[in-house]
Amino acid sequence: MKNSRKTKQKEILEKEINKIESFFTAEDLLEKANKIDEKIGIATIYRFLKELTKKGELHSYLCNRKKIYSKNKKSHCHFKCKRCGKSSHINIESLDFLKKQIKSPICHFQIDITGTCENCLKNNNK
């Protein structure tokens, strides 16, 4: 892979990514970057995010059929209700239950769980 040049636009994108503390989308980054330089386009953002992901500096996930990014090796997990369709983020800190099956180190993970939420269960019992 060839080294990419360090441009003013990439410097802006790096600075803006470093300010972000949670998950973000390409569109989120575009909005922040355009406040500094409105010539930065979405194609530039996608190329830059792809480059950082390949280098392991960013981690990507799918969330509601949209790619999101994180600087940290955070895991990304959802619970989606099969009745009402509501989706919520859940926190799973450990994968101890998988250690017998996965022998190599785990960087991060994404899990999607489907079931019936408490609200729908309550409403069904009325």
N, C-alpha and C. Protein backbone atom coordinates (compact mmCIF):
# COMPACT_ATOMS: atom_id res chain seq x y z
N MET A 1 0.85 -1.19 0.00
CA MET A 1 0.00 0.00 0.00
C MET A 1 0.88 1.24 0.00
N LYS A 2 0.59 2.13 -0.89
CA LYS A 2 1.40 3.35 -0.97
C LYS A 2 1.04 4.31 0.16
N ASN A 3 2.03 5.08 0.55
CA ASN A 3 1.79 6.09 1.59
C ASN A 3 1.02 7.25 0.99
N SER A 4 0.05 7.73 1.72
CA SER A 4 -0.71 8.87 1.22
C SER A 4 -0.07 10.16 1.73
N ARG A 5 -0.27 11.20 0.95
CA ARG A 5 0.32 12.48 1.35
C ARG A 5 -0.48 13.10 2.49
N LYS A 6 0.23 13.88 3.24
CA LYS A 6 -0.38 14.62 4.34
C LYS A 6 -0.88 15.95 3.77
N THR A 7 -2.18 16.10 3.70
CA THR A 7 -2.76 17.33 3.15
C THR A 7 -3.42 18.14 4.25
N LYS A 8 -3.74 19.37 3.94
CA LYS A 8 -4.44 20.25 4.90
C LYS A 8 -5.79 19.65 5.27
N GLN A 9 -6.50 19.08 4.27
CA GLN A 9 -7.79 18.47 4.55
C GLN A 9 -7.66 17.29 5.51
N LYS A 10 -6.65 16.46 5.31
CA LYS A 10 -6.43 15.32 6.20
C LYS A 10 -6.09 15.77 7.61
N GLU A 11 -5.34 16.85 7.71
CA GLU A 11 -5.01 17.41 9.03
C GLU A 11 -6.28 17.86 9.74
N ILE A 12 -7.17 18.50 9.01
CA ILE A 12 -8.45 18.95 9.59
C ILE A 12 -9.24 17.74 10.05
N LEU A 13 -9.33 16.71 9.21
CA LEU A 13 -10.10 15.52 9.55
C LEU A 13 -9.52 14.82 10.78
N GLU A 14 -8.20 14.71 10.85
CA GLU A 14 -7.55 14.10 12.02
C GLU A 14 -7.89 14.87 13.30
N LYS A 15 -7.79 16.19 13.25
CA LYS A 15 -8.09 17.02 14.42
C LYS A 15 -9.54 16.83 14.86
N GLU A 16 -10.45 16.80 13.90
CA GLU A 16 -11.87 16.65 14.24
C GLU A 16 -12.16 15.25 14.80
N ILE A 17 -11.54 14.24 14.24
CA ILE A 17 -11.73 12.88 14.78
C ILE A 17 -11.20 12.79 16.20
N ASN A 18 -10.08 13.44 16.46
CA ASN A 18 -9.50 13.41 17.81
C ASN A 18 -10.38 14.08 18.85
N LYS A 19 -11.26 14.97 18.43
CA LYS A 19 -12.19 15.63 19.35
C LYS A 19 -13.40 14.75 19.68
N ILE A 20 -13.69 13.77 18.85
CA ILE A 20 -14.88 12.94 19.01
C ILE A 20 -14.63 11.86 20.06
N GLU A 21 -15.55 11.71 20.99
CA GLU A 21 -15.38 10.75 22.08
C GLU A 21 -16.25 9.50 21.95
N SER A 22 -17.15 9.47 20.97
CA SER A 22 -18.05 8.32 20.87
C SER A 22 -18.08 7.83 19.42
N PHE A 23 -19.06 7.01 19.10
CA PHE A 23 -19.24 6.54 17.73
C PHE A 23 -19.64 7.71 16.85
N PHE A 24 -19.25 7.66 15.56
CA PHE A 24 -19.61 8.72 14.63
C PHE A 24 -19.74 8.15 13.22
N THR A 25 -20.44 8.90 12.38
CA THR A 25 -20.61 8.52 10.98
C THR A 25 -19.75 9.43 10.10
N ALA A 26 -19.65 9.07 8.84
CA ALA A 26 -18.94 9.93 7.88
C ALA A 26 -19.64 11.28 7.78
N GLU A 27 -20.97 11.26 7.84
CA GLU A 27 -21.73 12.50 7.76
C GLU A 27 -21.48 13.39 8.98
N ASP A 28 -21.33 12.78 10.16
CA ASP A 28 -21.00 13.56 11.36
C ASP A 28 -19.66 14.28 11.17
N LEU A 29 -18.68 13.53 10.66
CA LEU A 29 -17.36 14.11 10.44
C LEU A 29 -17.41 15.19 9.37
N LEU A 30 -18.18 14.98 8.31
CA LEU A 30 -18.32 15.98 7.26
C LEU A 30 -18.88 17.29 7.82
N GLU A 31 -19.90 17.17 8.66
CA GLU A 31 -20.51 18.36 9.25
C GLU A 31 -19.49 19.16 10.06
N LYS A 32 -18.68 18.47 10.85
CA LYS A 32 -17.68 19.15 11.67
C LYS A 32 -16.58 19.76 10.79
N ALA A 33 -16.12 18.99 9.81
CA ALA A 33 -15.02 19.46 8.95
C ALA A 33 -15.45 20.63 8.08
N ASN A 34 -16.69 20.62 7.61
CA ASN A 34 -17.16 21.70 6.75
C ASN A 34 -17.26 23.03 7.47
N LYS A 35 -17.30 23.02 8.80
CA LYS A 35 -17.29 24.28 9.55
C LYS A 35 -15.92 24.96 9.45
N ILE A 36 -14.89 24.14 9.16
CA ILE A 36 -13.53 24.66 9.04
C ILE A 36 -13.16 24.88 7.57
N ASP A 37 -13.52 23.91 6.73
CA ASP A 37 -13.22 23.99 5.30
C ASP A 37 -14.37 23.37 4.52
N GLU A 38 -15.19 24.21 3.93
CA GLU A 38 -16.39 23.69 3.25
C GLU A 38 -16.07 23.01 1.92
N LYS A 39 -14.80 23.01 1.51
CA LYS A 39 -14.41 22.32 0.28
C LYS A 39 -14.22 20.81 0.49
N ILE A 40 -14.17 20.38 1.74
CA ILE A 40 -14.01 18.94 2.02
C ILE A 40 -15.31 18.23 1.66
N GLY A 41 -15.19 17.24 0.80
CA GLY A 41 -16.37 16.52 0.34
C GLY A 41 -16.51 15.16 0.99
N ILE A 42 -17.67 14.56 0.82
CA ILE A 42 -17.97 13.26 1.43
C ILE A 42 -17.05 12.16 0.88
N ALA A 43 -16.67 12.24 -0.39
CA ALA A 43 -15.78 11.23 -0.97
C ALA A 43 -14.42 11.25 -0.27
N THR A 44 -13.92 12.46 0.01
CA THR A 44 -12.66 12.60 0.75
C THR A 44 -12.78 11.97 2.14
N ILE A 45 -13.90 12.21 2.78
CA ILE A 45 -14.14 11.67 4.12
C ILE A 45 -14.12 10.13 4.07
N TYR A 46 -14.87 9.56 3.13
CA TYR A 46 -14.92 8.09 3.03
C TYR A 46 -13.55 7.49 2.75
N ARG A 47 -12.78 8.10 1.86
CA ARG A 47 -11.42 7.60 1.57
C ARG A 47 -10.55 7.66 2.82
N PHE A 48 -10.65 8.77 3.55
CA PHE A 48 -9.84 8.96 4.75
C PHE A 48 -10.23 7.95 5.83
N LEU A 49 -11.52 7.75 6.03
CA LEU A 49 -11.98 6.79 7.04
C LEU A 49 -11.57 5.36 6.67
N LYS A 50 -11.63 5.04 5.39
CA LYS A 50 -11.21 3.72 4.92
C LYS A 50 -9.73 3.50 5.19
N GLU A 51 -8.94 4.52 4.92
CA GLU A 51 -7.49 4.47 5.15
C GLU A 51 -7.18 4.25 6.64
N LEU A 52 -7.83 5.00 7.52
CA LEU A 52 -7.60 4.87 8.96
C LEU A 52 -8.07 3.51 9.48
N THR A 53 -9.15 2.99 8.91
CA THR A 53 -9.66 1.68 9.32
C THR A 53 -8.66 0.59 8.91
N LYS A 54 -8.12 0.69 7.70
CA LYS A 54 -7.13 -0.29 7.23
C LYS A 54 -5.88 -0.28 8.12
N LYS A 55 -5.49 0.90 8.57
CA LYS A 55 -4.31 1.04 9.43
C LYS A 55 -4.59 0.58 10.86
N GLY A 56 -5.86 0.36 11.20
CA GLY A 56 -6.22 -0.03 12.56
C GLY A 56 -6.37 1.13 13.52
N GLU A 57 -6.38 2.34 12.98
CA GLU A 57 -6.52 3.53 13.83
C GLU A 57 -7.98 3.83 14.14
N LEU A 58 -8.88 3.31 13.32
CA LEU A 58 -10.32 3.42 13.55
C LEU A 58 -10.93 2.02 13.46
N HIS A 59 -12.06 1.86 14.08
CA HIS A 59 -12.80 0.61 14.03
C HIS A 59 -14.17 0.92 13.45
N SER A 60 -14.66 0.06 12.56
CA SER A 60 -15.96 0.32 11.95
C SER A 60 -16.97 -0.76 12.34
N TYR A 61 -18.22 -0.36 12.37
CA TYR A 61 -19.33 -1.22 12.76
C TYR A 61 -20.52 -0.89 11.88
N LEU A 62 -21.51 -1.77 11.88
CA LEU A 62 -22.78 -1.47 11.23
C LEU A 62 -23.82 -1.18 12.29
N CYS A 63 -24.54 -0.10 12.11
CA CYS A 63 -25.58 0.30 13.05
C CYS A 63 -26.77 0.79 12.24
N ASN A 64 -27.88 0.06 12.32
CA ASN A 64 -29.06 0.40 11.53
C ASN A 64 -28.71 0.54 10.04
N ARG A 65 -27.98 -0.42 9.53
CA ARG A 65 -27.55 -0.49 8.12
C ARG A 65 -26.69 0.69 7.70
N LYS A 66 -26.02 1.32 8.65
CA LYS A 66 -25.15 2.46 8.37
C LYS A 66 -23.80 2.20 9.04
N LYS A 67 -22.73 2.51 8.35
CA LYS A 67 -21.40 2.31 8.91
C LYS A 67 -21.09 3.42 9.91
N ILE A 68 -20.65 3.03 11.09
CA ILE A 68 -20.22 3.99 12.10
C ILE A 68 -18.78 3.67 12.48
N TYR A 69 -18.11 4.62 13.08
CA TYR A 69 -16.69 4.49 13.40
C TYR A 69 -16.44 4.83 14.87
N SER A 70 -15.31 4.31 15.37
CA SER A 70 -14.88 4.62 16.72
C SER A 70 -13.36 4.61 16.76
N LYS A 71 -12.78 5.52 17.55
CA LYS A 71 -11.33 5.53 17.76
C LYS A 71 -10.92 4.41 18.71
N ASN A 72 -11.82 4.05 19.58
CA ASN A 72 -11.54 3.05 20.60
C ASN A 72 -12.00 1.67 20.15
N LYS A 73 -11.49 0.68 20.80
CA LYS A 73 -11.88 -0.70 20.48
C LYS A 73 -13.15 -1.04 21.24
N LYS A 74 -14.11 -0.13 21.19
CA LYS A 74 -15.38 -0.35 21.86
C LYS A 74 -16.16 -1.42 21.12
N SER A 75 -16.89 -2.18 21.86
CA SER A 75 -17.77 -3.15 21.24
C SER A 75 -19.11 -2.48 20.99
N HIS A 76 -19.83 -2.98 20.01
CA HIS A 76 -21.08 -2.34 19.60
C HIS A 76 -22.18 -3.39 19.58
N CYS A 77 -23.12 -3.27 20.49
CA CYS A 77 -24.17 -4.28 20.63
C CYS A 77 -25.55 -3.63 20.67
N HIS A 78 -26.52 -4.30 20.06
CA HIS A 78 -27.90 -3.82 20.01
C HIS A 78 -28.86 -4.89 20.47
N PHE A 79 -29.96 -4.43 21.04
CA PHE A 79 -31.12 -5.29 21.26
C PHE A 79 -32.25 -4.69 20.44
N LYS A 80 -32.86 -5.49 19.56
CA LYS A 80 -33.96 -4.99 18.73
C LYS A 80 -35.21 -5.78 19.03
N CYS A 81 -36.30 -5.05 19.32
CA CYS A 81 -37.58 -5.69 19.61
C CYS A 81 -38.23 -6.15 18.31
N LYS A 82 -38.61 -7.41 18.26
CA LYS A 82 -39.22 -7.96 17.05
C LYS A 82 -40.67 -7.50 16.87
N ARG A 83 -41.26 -6.96 17.94
CA ARG A 83 -42.66 -6.49 17.84
C ARG A 83 -42.73 -5.03 17.43
N CYS A 84 -42.08 -4.15 18.19
CA CYS A 84 -42.20 -2.71 17.90
C CYS A 84 -41.06 -2.18 17.03
N GLY A 85 -39.99 -2.94 16.90
CA GLY A 85 -38.87 -2.52 16.05
C GLY A 85 -37.88 -1.59 16.72
N LYS A 86 -38.15 -1.23 17.99
CA LYS A 86 -37.25 -0.32 18.69
C LYS A 86 -35.90 -1.00 18.91
N SER A 87 -34.83 -0.23 18.68
CA SER A 87 -33.47 -0.75 18.85
C SER A 87 -32.78 0.06 19.94
N SER A 88 -32.05 -0.62 20.80
CA SER A 88 -31.32 0.08 21.86
C SER A 88 -29.92 -0.51 21.99
N HIS A 89 -28.99 0.35 22.37
CA HIS A 89 -27.62 -0.09 22.58
C HIS A 89 -27.53 -0.80 23.93
N ILE A 90 -26.78 -1.87 23.97
CA ILE A 90 -26.53 -2.57 25.23
C ILE A 90 -25.03 -2.70 25.40
N ASN A 91 -24.62 -2.87 26.63
CA ASN A 91 -23.20 -2.93 26.95
C ASN A 91 -22.83 -4.37 27.33
N ILE A 92 -21.96 -4.98 26.57
CA ILE A 92 -21.44 -6.31 26.90
C ILE A 92 -19.94 -6.14 27.09
N GLU A 93 -19.50 -6.29 28.30
CA GLU A 93 -18.09 -6.04 28.63
C GLU A 93 -17.18 -7.24 28.37
N SER A 94 -17.72 -8.44 28.46
CA SER A 94 -16.87 -9.62 28.42
C SER A 94 -17.37 -10.66 27.43
N LEU A 95 -16.44 -11.31 26.80
CA LEU A 95 -16.75 -12.42 25.90
C LEU A 95 -16.22 -13.73 26.46
N ASP A 96 -16.17 -13.84 27.79
CA ASP A 96 -15.63 -15.03 28.41
C ASP A 96 -16.30 -16.31 27.90
N PHE A 97 -17.59 -16.23 27.58
CA PHE A 97 -18.32 -17.40 27.11
C PHE A 97 -17.84 -17.90 25.75
N LEU A 98 -17.05 -17.09 25.03
CA LEU A 98 -16.54 -17.49 23.72
C LEU A 98 -15.07 -17.91 23.73
N LYS A 99 -14.39 -17.77 24.86
CA LYS A 99 -12.96 -18.02 24.90
C LYS A 99 -12.57 -19.45 24.51
N LYS A 100 -13.45 -20.41 24.73
CA LYS A 100 -13.15 -21.79 24.34
C LYS A 100 -13.22 -21.96 22.83
N GLN A 101 -14.04 -21.15 22.16
CA GLN A 101 -14.22 -21.28 20.72
C GLN A 101 -13.28 -20.39 19.91
N ILE A 102 -12.93 -19.23 20.46
CA ILE A 102 -12.06 -18.28 19.76
C ILE A 102 -10.74 -18.22 20.51
N LYS A 103 -9.71 -18.78 19.91
CA LYS A 103 -8.41 -18.87 20.59
C LYS A 103 -7.56 -17.61 20.41
N SER A 104 -7.82 -16.81 19.41
CA SER A 104 -7.00 -15.63 19.17
C SER A 104 -7.54 -14.41 19.90
N PRO A 105 -6.71 -13.39 20.07
CA PRO A 105 -7.16 -12.18 20.76
C PRO A 105 -8.28 -11.49 19.98
N ILE A 106 -9.23 -10.93 20.69
CA ILE A 106 -10.36 -10.23 20.08
C ILE A 106 -10.11 -8.73 20.22
N CYS A 107 -10.22 -8.03 19.11
CA CYS A 107 -10.03 -6.57 19.10
C CYS A 107 -11.31 -5.89 19.59
N HIS A 108 -12.42 -6.13 18.91
CA HIS A 108 -13.72 -5.59 19.26
C HIS A 108 -14.78 -6.49 18.63
N PHE A 109 -16.01 -6.30 19.02
CA PHE A 109 -17.06 -7.14 18.48
C PHE A 109 -18.35 -6.36 18.30
N GLN A 110 -19.23 -6.92 17.49
CA GLN A 110 -20.55 -6.36 17.28
C GLN A 110 -21.55 -7.50 17.40
N ILE A 111 -22.56 -7.29 18.21
CA ILE A 111 -23.59 -8.30 18.42
C ILE A 111 -24.96 -7.65 18.26
N ASP A 112 -25.83 -8.32 17.50
CA ASP A 112 -27.21 -7.87 17.35
C ASP A 112 -28.11 -8.95 17.94
N ILE A 113 -28.90 -8.57 18.92
CA ILE A 113 -29.81 -9.49 19.61
C ILE A 113 -31.24 -9.08 19.30
N THR A 114 -32.08 -10.06 18.98
CA THR A 114 -33.48 -9.80 18.68
C THR A 114 -34.34 -10.51 19.72
N GLY A 115 -35.37 -9.83 20.19
CA GLY A 115 -36.28 -10.40 21.17
C GLY A 115 -37.49 -9.50 21.33
N THR A 116 -38.15 -9.60 22.45
CA THR A 116 -39.31 -8.75 22.74
C THR A 116 -38.96 -7.85 23.92
N CYS A 117 -39.12 -6.55 23.74
CA CYS A 117 -38.75 -5.59 24.79
C CYS A 117 -39.75 -5.65 25.95
N GLU A 118 -39.35 -5.10 27.08
CA GLU A 118 -40.18 -5.09 28.28
C GLU A 118 -41.52 -4.39 28.04
N ASN A 119 -41.49 -3.30 27.30
CA ASN A 119 -42.70 -2.55 27.01
C ASN A 119 -43.73 -3.40 26.26
N CYS A 120 -43.29 -4.11 25.24
CA CYS A 120 -44.19 -4.96 24.46
C CYS A 120 -44.67 -6.14 25.30
N LEU A 121 -43.81 -6.65 26.16
CA LEU A 121 -44.23 -7.75 27.04
C LEU A 121 -45.33 -7.28 27.99
N LYS A 122 -45.17 -6.08 28.56
CA LYS A 122 -46.17 -5.51 29.48
C LYS A 122 -47.50 -5.30 28.76
N ASN A 123 -47.42 -4.70 27.57
CA ASN A 123 -48.64 -4.41 26.80
C ASN A 123 -49.35 -5.67 26.34
N ASN A 124 -48.62 -6.75 26.14
CA ASN A 124 -49.21 -8.01 25.70
C ASN A 124 -49.98 -8.69 26.83
N ASN A 125 -49.55 -8.45 28.08
CA ASN A 125 -50.18 -9.08 29.24
C ASN A 125 -51.41 -8.31 29.71
N LYS A 126 -51.72 -7.17 29.11
CA LYS A 126 -52.88 -6.37 29.55
C LYS A 126 -54.12 -6.79 28.84
